[in-house]
Amino acid sequence: MNDLIILATLLSGPMHGYQLKRDAAAILGQEALHNNIIYPLLRRFTERRWVTKKTGPGERGQKRDRYTLTALGRKTLIERLSAYTESDAKSLDGFLTRVGLFGALGPETRVRVLDGRAAYLKRLLEHLESIEQKFSLQSFSLETVHFLRHQTEAELAWIRHLRKIPKQSAERSNSCNQD
């Protein structure tokens, strides 16, 4: 997931490694990404021609690298985000990453992502119901099942809401990302 987030962060334009490290960490809900995560990925992206690197002078005389997403990198990111499997549908992080990047994805991919996640959540609701029926749950176990059911139903409601967002706003977001 880190690789997708780092590539997606570059959609907004070129960035220095430190800024990219900080912004990607913020998206992931972390204070900072370790250098051992970000720089090996950037090296690999550069080798695959998904990202270009230009070195220039820094503020204190040091060298600073500026990374830019290439057309091939953007295409690869879109392909990887669009490849949404049943396994991906089980991952909340994978789902939220794709929803956050819906502006870069086509309408058919957005529908497939929403359909896949909704199908998984409906199976989860059936599973929770079967747990309640098959087992004599104690108070904390029952509370846990009720919490999970409520959380799952809330996410299904959010997916219904996402489906109603006008296509124009997603298309507007997509055109902004291409500029």
Protein backbone atom coordinates (compact mmCIF):
# COMPACT_ATOMS: atom_id res chain seq x y z
CA MET A 1 0.00 0.00 0.00
CA ASN A 2 2.91 2.37 0.71
CA ASP A 3 3.96 2.26 -2.92
CA LEU A 4 0.50 3.27 -4.15
CA ILE A 5 0.30 6.12 -1.66
CA ILE A 6 3.73 7.45 -2.62
CA LEU A 7 2.93 7.32 -6.35
CA ALA A 8 -0.48 8.91 -5.72
CA THR A 9 1.11 11.70 -3.68
CA LEU A 10 3.13 12.62 -6.76
CA LEU A 11 -0.08 13.13 -8.77
CA SER A 12 -0.22 16.68 -7.42
CA GLY A 13 3.19 17.53 -8.89
CA PRO A 14 6.94 17.24 -8.31
CA MET A 15 8.19 16.96 -4.72
CA HIS A 16 11.42 16.79 -2.81
CA GLY A 17 12.01 13.48 -1.05
CA TYR A 18 11.48 14.98 2.42
CA GLN A 19 8.17 16.59 1.44
CA LEU A 20 7.02 13.36 -0.22
CA LYS A 21 8.00 11.40 2.89
CA ARG A 22 6.06 13.81 5.12
CA ASP A 23 2.94 14.02 2.91
CA ALA A 24 2.73 10.26 2.33
CA ALA A 25 3.08 9.68 6.08
CA ALA A 26 0.26 12.13 6.78
CA ILE A 27 -2.00 10.30 4.32
CA LEU A 28 -1.14 7.01 6.02
CA GLY A 29 -1.89 8.53 9.43
CA GLN A 30 1.70 8.37 10.63
CA GLU A 31 4.06 11.01 11.91
CA ALA A 32 6.78 10.08 9.45
CA LEU A 33 7.77 7.37 7.01
CA HIS A 34 11.16 5.90 7.67
CA ASN A 35 13.86 6.57 5.10
CA ASN A 36 14.22 2.80 4.66
CA ILE A 37 10.66 2.72 3.30
CA ILE A 38 10.51 5.79 1.08
CA TYR A 39 13.91 5.94 -0.59
CA PRO A 40 14.15 2.29 -1.70
CA LEU A 41 10.68 2.68 -3.24
CA LEU A 42 11.71 5.89 -5.00
CA ARG A 43 14.85 4.15 -6.31
CA ARG A 44 12.72 1.30 -7.65
CA PHE A 45 10.22 3.74 -9.19
CA THR A 46 13.08 5.58 -10.89
CA GLU A 47 14.55 2.33 -12.23
CA ARG A 48 11.14 1.40 -13.67
CA ARG A 49 10.77 4.90 -15.17
CA TRP A 50 7.61 5.59 -13.15
CA VAL A 51 9.33 8.58 -11.56
CA THR A 52 12.12 10.90 -12.65
CA LYS A 53 14.64 12.36 -10.22
CA LYS A 54 16.41 15.68 -10.64
CA THR A 55 19.08 16.75 -8.19
CA GLY A 56 19.48 20.40 -7.36
CA PRO A 57 20.95 22.61 -4.64
CA GLY A 58 19.28 22.70 -1.24
CA GLU A 59 18.84 25.66 1.08
CA ARG A 60 21.99 24.93 3.12
CA GLY A 61 24.31 23.88 0.31
CA GLN A 62 23.30 20.22 0.34
CA LYS A 63 21.86 18.45 -2.69
CA ARG A 64 18.11 17.83 -2.84
CA ASP A 65 16.33 15.36 -5.07
CA ARG A 66 13.04 16.33 -6.69
CA TYR A 67 10.78 13.51 -7.87
CA THR A 68 8.20 13.73 -10.65
CA LEU A 69 5.62 11.16 -11.70
CA THR A 70 6.04 10.18 -15.36
CA ALA A 71 3.25 9.31 -17.79
CA LEU A 72 4.26 5.65 -17.38
CA GLY A 73 4.11 6.06 -13.59
CA ARG A 74 0.63 7.57 -13.78
CA LYS A 75 -0.51 4.79 -16.11
CA THR A 76 0.94 2.14 -13.78
CA LEU A 77 -0.70 3.74 -10.74
CA ILE A 78 -4.10 3.82 -12.47
CA GLU A 79 -3.71 0.20 -13.61
CA ARG A 80 -2.77 -0.97 -10.13
CA LEU A 81 -5.60 0.96 -8.50
CA SER A 82 -8.01 -0.39 -11.12
CA ALA A 83 -6.97 -3.99 -10.49
CA TYR A 84 -9.43 -4.42 -7.62
CA THR A 85 -9.77 -8.06 -6.60
CA GLU A 86 -11.97 -9.83 -4.08
CA SER A 87 -8.97 -9.88 -1.77
CA ASP A 88 -8.61 -6.10 -2.15
CA ALA A 89 -12.30 -5.68 -1.28
CA LYS A 90 -11.57 -7.16 2.16
CA SER A 91 -8.98 -4.46 2.90
CA LEU A 92 -10.40 -1.27 4.36
CA ASP A 93 -7.12 0.54 3.64
CA GLY A 94 -7.15 -0.61 0.02
CA PHE A 95 -10.77 0.44 -0.39
CA LEU A 96 -10.25 3.86 1.21
CA THR A 97 -7.13 4.48 -0.87
CA ARG A 98 -9.07 3.85 -4.05
CA VAL A 99 -12.04 5.98 -2.97
CA GLY A 100 -9.65 8.78 -2.09
CA LEU A 101 -8.28 8.53 -5.63
CA PHE A 102 -11.62 8.12 -7.44
CA GLY A 103 -10.90 11.35 -9.32
CA ALA A 104 -8.05 9.57 -11.12
CA LEU A 105 -10.10 6.45 -11.87
CA GLY A 106 -12.69 5.89 -14.57
CA PRO A 107 -16.40 5.52 -13.76
CA GLU A 108 -16.40 1.77 -14.51
CA THR A 109 -13.56 1.23 -12.05
CA ARG A 110 -15.31 3.30 -9.38
CA VAL A 111 -18.44 1.17 -9.77
CA ARG A 112 -16.42 -2.06 -9.63
CA VAL A 113 -14.65 -0.91 -6.45
CA LEU A 114 -17.93 0.06 -4.77
CA ASP A 115 -19.64 -3.16 -5.91
CA GLY A 116 -16.74 -5.30 -4.70
CA ARG A 117 -16.59 -3.70 -1.27
CA ALA A 118 -20.39 -3.78 -0.88
CA ALA A 119 -20.48 -7.50 -1.75
CA TYR A 120 -17.78 -8.22 0.83
CA LEU A 121 -19.63 -6.20 3.49
CA LYS A 122 -22.90 -8.03 2.79
CA ARG A 123 -21.11 -11.36 3.26
CA LEU A 124 -19.66 -10.01 6.50
CA LEU A 125 -23.14 -9.09 7.74
CA GLU A 126 -24.35 -12.61 6.96
CA HIS A 127 -21.38 -14.02 8.85
CA LEU A 128 -22.07 -11.84 11.88
CA GLU A 129 -25.71 -12.90 11.84
CA SER A 130 -24.72 -16.57 11.73
CA ILE A 131 -22.38 -16.06 14.70
CA GLU A 132 -25.24 -14.57 16.69
CA GLN A 133 -27.54 -17.46 15.77
CA LYS A 134 -25.07 -20.30 16.31
CA PHE A 135 -23.46 -19.17 19.55
CA SER A 136 -24.74 -18.14 22.92
CA LEU A 137 -22.79 -14.93 23.19
CA GLN A 138 -21.89 -13.30 26.48
CA SER A 139 -22.35 -9.57 26.94
CA PHE A 140 -18.94 -8.40 25.60
CA SER A 141 -19.00 -10.85 22.70
CA LEU A 142 -22.50 -9.71 21.80
CA GLU A 143 -21.43 -6.05 22.07
CA THR A 144 -18.55 -6.77 19.71
CA VAL A 145 -20.83 -8.39 17.12
CA HIS A 146 -23.30 -5.49 17.41
CA PHE A 147 -20.49 -2.97 17.00
CA LEU A 148 -19.17 -4.76 13.91
CA ARG A 149 -22.67 -4.96 12.44
CA HIS A 150 -23.27 -1.25 13.07
CA GLN A 151 -19.90 -0.36 11.55
CA THR A 152 -20.57 -2.55 8.48
CA GLU A 153 -24.05 -1.11 7.97
CA ALA A 154 -22.62 2.42 8.26
CA GLU A 155 -20.04 1.65 5.59
CA LEU A 156 -22.74 0.23 3.29
CA ALA A 157 -24.73 3.44 3.78
CA TRP A 158 -21.61 5.44 2.88
CA ILE A 159 -21.16 3.37 -0.28
CA ARG A 160 -24.78 4.16 -1.24
CA HIS A 161 -23.97 7.84 -0.67
CA LEU A 162 -20.81 7.62 -2.81
CA ARG A 163 -22.86 6.18 -5.67
CA LYS A 164 -25.06 9.30 -5.62
CA ILE A 165 -22.21 11.80 -5.94
CA PRO A 166 -22.65 13.42 -9.35
CA LYS A 167 -20.36 12.13 -12.04
CA GLN A 168 -19.42 15.71 -12.89
CA SER A 169 -17.65 16.22 -9.55
CA ALA A 170 -15.56 13.06 -10.07
CA GLU A 171 -14.78 14.11 -13.63
CA ARG A 172 -13.83 17.61 -12.44
CA SER A 173 -11.48 16.03 -9.89
CA ASN A 174 -10.02 13.81 -12.60
CA SER A 175 -9.30 16.74 -14.90
CA CYS A 176 -7.62 18.61 -12.04
CA ASN A 177 -5.30 15.68 -11.44
CA GLN A 178 -4.28 15.63 -15.10
CA ASP A 179 -3.25 19.30 -15.17
